[in-house]
Amino acid sequence: MSPEPGRITTHVLDTARGRPAAGVPVTLERAAGRGWEPVGGGTTDGDGRARELLPPGTPLAAGAWRLTFDTAAYLGPDGFWPQVAVIFTVRDPGGHHHVPLLLSPYGYSTYRGS
């Protein structure tokens, strides 16, 4: 049996409303030279999760990655943050990299999840 391929997932929680943030578009990119190369993405489901950001067959490589959350699509005109970009480093391409975002109209935080 071959090992499970590496994954990148996210979970967006609306801390102001105390519930998952459904319908947040997320873009996944990897560092390429002096810029970023789009790799995949998705939209958070009813539980606020985007479980399959890498397209099938796309290997996860070591290096810098960026998740960009289109928070304006979720927060609307009352939100201060039109988008949130989270840059992180993949050191173990075979591992699961879970990057949650805690979001409110005037603040956000993130951490390495499990």
N, C-alpha and C. Protein backbone atom coordinates (compact mmCIF):
# COMPACT_ATOMS: atom_id res chain seq x y z
N MET A 1 0.84 -1.17 0.00
CA MET A 1 0.00 0.00 0.00
C MET A 1 0.89 1.25 0.00
N SER A 2 0.63 2.20 -0.89
CA SER A 2 1.44 3.40 -0.97
C SER A 2 1.02 4.40 0.10
N PRO A 3 1.96 5.25 0.56
CA PRO A 3 1.60 6.23 1.60
C PRO A 3 0.62 7.26 1.06
N GLU A 4 -0.17 7.80 1.96
CA GLU A 4 -1.14 8.84 1.58
C GLU A 4 -0.37 10.08 1.15
N PRO A 5 -0.78 10.73 0.05
CA PRO A 5 -0.08 11.93 -0.39
C PRO A 5 -0.33 13.09 0.57
N GLY A 6 0.57 14.06 0.55
CA GLY A 6 0.42 15.24 1.39
C GLY A 6 -0.82 16.03 1.00
N ARG A 7 -1.36 16.75 1.99
CA ARG A 7 -2.59 17.53 1.75
C ARG A 7 -2.49 18.89 2.40
N ILE A 8 -3.22 19.85 1.85
CA ILE A 8 -3.43 21.15 2.46
C ILE A 8 -4.93 21.34 2.57
N THR A 9 -5.40 21.63 3.78
CA THR A 9 -6.82 21.87 4.02
C THR A 9 -6.96 23.13 4.87
N THR A 10 -8.18 23.64 4.94
CA THR A 10 -8.44 24.80 5.78
C THR A 10 -9.83 24.70 6.39
N HIS A 11 -10.06 25.54 7.37
CA HIS A 11 -11.34 25.62 8.08
C HIS A 11 -11.49 27.07 8.48
N VAL A 12 -12.57 27.71 8.08
CA VAL A 12 -12.80 29.12 8.42
C VAL A 12 -13.95 29.18 9.41
N LEU A 13 -13.67 29.81 10.55
CA LEU A 13 -14.68 29.98 11.59
C LEU A 13 -14.96 31.46 11.80
N ASP A 14 -16.23 31.81 11.82
CA ASP A 14 -16.67 33.18 12.04
C ASP A 14 -16.79 33.38 13.56
N THR A 15 -15.82 34.06 14.14
CA THR A 15 -15.81 34.23 15.60
C THR A 15 -16.84 35.26 16.07
N ALA A 16 -17.29 36.14 15.22
CA ALA A 16 -18.31 37.12 15.61
C ALA A 16 -19.69 36.47 15.70
N ARG A 17 -19.94 35.51 14.82
CA ARG A 17 -21.25 34.85 14.81
C ARG A 17 -21.24 33.50 15.53
N GLY A 18 -20.03 33.02 15.85
CA GLY A 18 -19.92 31.75 16.54
C GLY A 18 -20.33 30.55 15.71
N ARG A 19 -19.96 30.57 14.41
CA ARG A 19 -20.33 29.46 13.53
C ARG A 19 -19.32 29.35 12.38
N PRO A 20 -19.35 28.24 11.66
CA PRO A 20 -18.47 28.10 10.50
C PRO A 20 -18.80 29.16 9.44
N ALA A 21 -17.78 29.55 8.69
CA ALA A 21 -17.95 30.53 7.61
C ALA A 21 -18.07 29.77 6.29
N ALA A 22 -19.29 29.56 5.85
CA ALA A 22 -19.56 28.86 4.59
C ALA A 22 -19.47 29.82 3.41
N GLY A 23 -19.00 29.31 2.28
CA GLY A 23 -18.99 30.10 1.05
C GLY A 23 -17.81 31.03 0.88
N VAL A 24 -16.71 30.79 1.59
CA VAL A 24 -15.52 31.62 1.44
C VAL A 24 -14.63 31.04 0.33
N PRO A 25 -14.43 31.77 -0.76
CA PRO A 25 -13.51 31.29 -1.80
C PRO A 25 -12.06 31.32 -1.29
N VAL A 26 -11.31 30.26 -1.60
CA VAL A 26 -9.92 30.13 -1.16
C VAL A 26 -9.06 29.77 -2.37
N THR A 27 -7.95 30.47 -2.54
CA THR A 27 -7.01 30.18 -3.61
C THR A 27 -5.73 29.63 -3.00
N LEU A 28 -5.18 28.58 -3.60
CA LEU A 28 -3.92 27.98 -3.14
C LEU A 28 -2.85 28.24 -4.19
N GLU A 29 -1.71 28.77 -3.73
CA GLU A 29 -0.58 29.05 -4.62
C GLU A 29 0.71 28.56 -3.97
N ARG A 30 1.72 28.32 -4.82
CA ARG A 30 3.04 27.99 -4.29
C ARG A 30 4.04 29.02 -4.83
N ALA A 31 5.10 29.22 -4.05
CA ALA A 31 6.13 30.17 -4.46
C ALA A 31 6.80 29.67 -5.72
N ALA A 32 7.00 30.58 -6.66
CA ALA A 32 7.64 30.25 -7.93
C ALA A 32 8.50 31.44 -8.35
N GLY A 33 9.80 31.30 -8.18
CA GLY A 33 10.68 32.43 -8.51
C GLY A 33 10.40 33.59 -7.57
N ARG A 34 10.09 34.73 -8.14
CA ARG A 34 9.79 35.92 -7.34
C ARG A 34 8.30 36.15 -7.15
N GLY A 35 7.50 35.18 -7.59
CA GLY A 35 6.05 35.36 -7.51
C GLY A 35 5.37 34.12 -6.98
N TRP A 36 4.11 33.97 -7.35
CA TRP A 36 3.27 32.87 -6.90
C TRP A 36 2.61 32.20 -8.09
N GLU A 37 2.54 30.88 -8.04
CA GLU A 37 1.92 30.09 -9.09
C GLU A 37 0.61 29.51 -8.57
N PRO A 38 -0.53 29.83 -9.20
CA PRO A 38 -1.80 29.23 -8.77
C PRO A 38 -1.75 27.72 -8.93
N VAL A 39 -2.22 27.01 -7.92
CA VAL A 39 -2.19 25.55 -7.94
C VAL A 39 -3.59 24.96 -7.81
N GLY A 40 -4.40 25.55 -6.96
CA GLY A 40 -5.74 25.00 -6.73
C GLY A 40 -6.55 25.94 -5.87
N GLY A 41 -7.57 25.39 -5.27
CA GLY A 41 -8.43 26.19 -4.41
C GLY A 41 -9.78 25.54 -4.25
N GLY A 42 -10.70 26.32 -3.74
CA GLY A 42 -12.05 25.83 -3.51
C GLY A 42 -12.85 26.86 -2.75
N THR A 43 -13.98 26.42 -2.24
CA THR A 43 -14.87 27.26 -1.46
C THR A 43 -15.26 26.49 -0.21
N THR A 44 -15.29 27.18 0.93
CA THR A 44 -15.64 26.49 2.16
C THR A 44 -17.07 25.97 2.11
N ASP A 45 -17.25 24.77 2.66
CA ASP A 45 -18.57 24.14 2.67
C ASP A 45 -19.40 24.61 3.87
N GLY A 46 -20.52 24.00 4.12
CA GLY A 46 -21.41 24.38 5.21
C GLY A 46 -20.79 24.28 6.58
N ASP A 47 -19.73 23.48 6.70
CA ASP A 47 -18.99 23.35 7.96
C ASP A 47 -17.78 24.28 7.99
N GLY A 48 -17.65 25.16 6.98
CA GLY A 48 -16.54 26.10 6.91
C GLY A 48 -15.24 25.48 6.44
N ARG A 49 -15.30 24.27 5.90
CA ARG A 49 -14.08 23.55 5.51
C ARG A 49 -13.89 23.51 3.99
N ALA A 50 -12.62 23.58 3.60
CA ALA A 50 -12.22 23.30 2.22
C ALA A 50 -11.24 22.14 2.34
N ARG A 51 -11.70 20.96 1.97
CA ARG A 51 -10.95 19.72 2.23
C ARG A 51 -10.04 19.29 1.10
N GLU A 52 -10.29 19.75 -0.10
CA GLU A 52 -9.52 19.31 -1.27
C GLU A 52 -9.03 20.52 -2.04
N LEU A 53 -7.99 21.17 -1.56
CA LEU A 53 -7.48 22.36 -2.23
C LEU A 53 -6.52 22.03 -3.38
N LEU A 54 -5.77 20.94 -3.23
CA LEU A 54 -4.88 20.49 -4.31
C LEU A 54 -5.68 19.67 -5.31
N PRO A 55 -5.56 19.95 -6.59
CA PRO A 55 -6.25 19.12 -7.59
C PRO A 55 -5.72 17.68 -7.52
N PRO A 56 -6.56 16.70 -7.84
CA PRO A 56 -6.12 15.30 -7.83
C PRO A 56 -4.88 15.11 -8.70
N GLY A 57 -3.93 14.36 -8.16
CA GLY A 57 -2.70 14.08 -8.89
C GLY A 57 -1.63 15.15 -8.77
N THR A 58 -1.94 16.27 -8.09
CA THR A 58 -0.95 17.33 -7.91
C THR A 58 -0.14 17.03 -6.65
N PRO A 59 1.17 16.83 -6.79
CA PRO A 59 1.97 16.52 -5.61
C PRO A 59 2.20 17.76 -4.75
N LEU A 60 2.27 17.54 -3.47
CA LEU A 60 2.60 18.60 -2.51
C LEU A 60 4.11 18.64 -2.40
N ALA A 61 4.71 19.80 -2.65
CA ALA A 61 6.16 19.95 -2.61
C ALA A 61 6.57 20.79 -1.42
N ALA A 62 7.80 20.56 -0.94
CA ALA A 62 8.35 21.39 0.12
C ALA A 62 8.53 22.81 -0.41
N GLY A 63 8.39 23.77 0.50
CA GLY A 63 8.58 25.17 0.12
C GLY A 63 7.48 26.05 0.66
N ALA A 64 7.45 27.29 0.17
CA ALA A 64 6.47 28.28 0.61
C ALA A 64 5.17 28.14 -0.17
N TRP A 65 4.07 28.22 0.55
CA TRP A 65 2.72 28.15 -0.02
C TRP A 65 1.90 29.31 0.51
N ARG A 66 0.87 29.69 -0.23
CA ARG A 66 0.00 30.78 0.21
C ARG A 66 -1.46 30.40 0.00
N LEU A 67 -2.24 30.61 1.04
CA LEU A 67 -3.71 30.52 0.96
C LEU A 67 -4.24 31.94 0.99
N THR A 68 -5.07 32.28 0.01
CA THR A 68 -5.70 33.60 -0.01
C THR A 68 -7.20 33.40 0.11
N PHE A 69 -7.77 33.99 1.14
CA PHE A 69 -9.19 33.88 1.44
C PHE A 69 -9.88 35.14 0.94
N ASP A 70 -10.89 34.99 0.10
CA ASP A 70 -11.68 36.13 -0.40
C ASP A 70 -12.73 36.44 0.67
N THR A 71 -12.29 37.12 1.71
CA THR A 71 -13.17 37.38 2.85
C THR A 71 -14.26 38.41 2.53
N ALA A 72 -14.05 39.25 1.53
CA ALA A 72 -15.09 40.19 1.13
C ALA A 72 -16.32 39.46 0.62
N ALA A 73 -16.13 38.30 -0.01
CA ALA A 73 -17.26 37.51 -0.51
C ALA A 73 -18.13 37.02 0.66
N TYR A 74 -17.52 36.86 1.82
CA TYR A 74 -18.25 36.38 3.00
C TYR A 74 -18.69 37.53 3.90
N LEU A 75 -17.79 38.46 4.21
CA LEU A 75 -18.10 39.54 5.16
C LEU A 75 -18.94 40.65 4.55
N GLY A 76 -18.84 40.81 3.23
CA GLY A 76 -19.59 41.87 2.57
C GLY A 76 -18.99 43.23 2.83
N PRO A 77 -19.78 44.29 2.62
CA PRO A 77 -19.25 45.65 2.72
C PRO A 77 -18.91 46.08 4.15
N ASP A 78 -19.36 45.35 5.16
CA ASP A 78 -19.07 45.73 6.54
C ASP A 78 -17.72 45.22 7.03
N GLY A 79 -17.08 44.35 6.28
CA GLY A 79 -15.80 43.79 6.69
C GLY A 79 -14.65 44.73 6.40
N PHE A 80 -13.68 44.74 7.28
CA PHE A 80 -12.48 45.56 7.11
C PHE A 80 -11.46 44.87 6.22
N TRP A 81 -11.47 43.53 6.22
CA TRP A 81 -10.48 42.73 5.50
C TRP A 81 -11.10 42.19 4.19
N PRO A 82 -10.78 42.75 3.02
CA PRO A 82 -11.34 42.21 1.78
C PRO A 82 -10.73 40.86 1.41
N GLN A 83 -9.50 40.63 1.86
CA GLN A 83 -8.89 39.33 1.67
C GLN A 83 -7.83 39.12 2.75
N VAL A 84 -7.58 37.85 3.03
CA VAL A 84 -6.56 37.47 4.00
C VAL A 84 -5.63 36.49 3.30
N ALA A 85 -4.34 36.79 3.30
CA ALA A 85 -3.33 35.90 2.72
C ALA A 85 -2.50 35.30 3.85
N VAL A 86 -2.39 33.98 3.85
CA VAL A 86 -1.61 33.27 4.86
C VAL A 86 -0.51 32.52 4.14
N ILE A 87 0.73 32.87 4.44
CA ILE A 87 1.89 32.22 3.83
C ILE A 87 2.49 31.28 4.87
N PHE A 88 2.78 30.06 4.44
CA PHE A 88 3.33 29.07 5.36
C PHE A 88 4.33 28.19 4.62
N THR A 89 5.10 27.43 5.37
CA THR A 89 6.14 26.58 4.81
C THR A 89 5.80 25.11 4.97
N VAL A 90 5.85 24.38 3.87
CA VAL A 90 5.69 22.92 3.90
C VAL A 90 7.09 22.33 4.00
N ARG A 91 7.35 21.63 5.08
CA ARG A 91 8.64 20.96 5.25
C ARG A 91 8.51 19.45 5.01
N ASP A 92 7.33 18.90 5.26
CA ASP A 92 7.07 17.48 5.08
C ASP A 92 5.99 17.31 4.01
N PRO A 93 6.38 17.13 2.74
CA PRO A 93 5.39 17.03 1.67
C PRO A 93 4.43 15.85 1.80
N GLY A 94 4.75 14.89 2.64
CA GLY A 94 3.85 13.76 2.82
C GLY A 94 2.85 13.97 3.93
N GLY A 95 2.93 15.10 4.62
CA GLY A 95 2.07 15.36 5.77
C GLY A 95 0.79 16.10 5.42
N HIS A 96 -0.08 16.19 6.42
CA HIS A 96 -1.32 16.94 6.32
C HIS A 96 -1.07 18.32 6.91
N HIS A 97 -1.29 19.35 6.12
CA HIS A 97 -1.09 20.73 6.54
C HIS A 97 -2.45 21.41 6.61
N HIS A 98 -2.93 21.59 7.83
CA HIS A 98 -4.25 22.18 8.06
C HIS A 98 -4.05 23.60 8.58
N VAL A 99 -4.64 24.58 7.87
CA VAL A 99 -4.43 25.99 8.17
C VAL A 99 -5.78 26.64 8.44
N PRO A 100 -6.24 26.65 9.70
CA PRO A 100 -7.52 27.28 10.03
C PRO A 100 -7.41 28.82 10.04
N LEU A 101 -8.54 29.45 9.76
CA LEU A 101 -8.63 30.91 9.84
C LEU A 101 -9.81 31.25 10.75
N LEU A 102 -9.53 32.02 11.80
CA LEU A 102 -10.58 32.54 12.68
C LEU A 102 -10.84 33.96 12.22
N LEU A 103 -12.08 34.28 11.86
CA LEU A 103 -12.40 35.52 11.16
C LEU A 103 -13.53 36.27 11.84
N SER A 104 -13.38 37.59 11.89
CA SER A 104 -14.47 38.47 12.29
C SER A 104 -14.38 39.72 11.40
N PRO A 105 -15.37 40.60 11.42
CA PRO A 105 -15.30 41.76 10.54
C PRO A 105 -14.07 42.65 10.75
N TYR A 106 -13.49 42.64 11.97
CA TYR A 106 -12.38 43.55 12.24
C TYR A 106 -11.13 42.86 12.77
N GLY A 107 -11.04 41.55 12.58
CA GLY A 107 -9.83 40.85 13.02
C GLY A 107 -9.81 39.43 12.48
N TYR A 108 -8.61 38.86 12.49
CA TYR A 108 -8.46 37.45 12.11
C TYR A 108 -7.21 36.90 12.78
N SER A 109 -7.16 35.59 12.90
CA SER A 109 -5.95 34.90 13.35
C SER A 109 -5.92 33.54 12.69
N THR A 110 -4.76 32.93 12.71
CA THR A 110 -4.58 31.64 12.10
C THR A 110 -3.55 30.86 12.91
N TYR A 111 -3.48 29.56 12.66
CA TYR A 111 -2.54 28.69 13.38
C TYR A 111 -2.36 27.41 12.59
N ARG A 112 -1.38 26.63 12.98
CA ARG A 112 -1.17 25.31 12.36
C ARG A 112 -2.10 24.34 13.05
N GLY A 113 -3.05 23.83 12.33
CA GLY A 113 -4.03 22.90 12.89
C GLY A 113 -3.61 21.46 12.68
N SER A 114 -4.53 20.58 13.01
CA SER A 114 -4.25 19.15 12.86
C SER A 114 -5.39 18.46 12.14
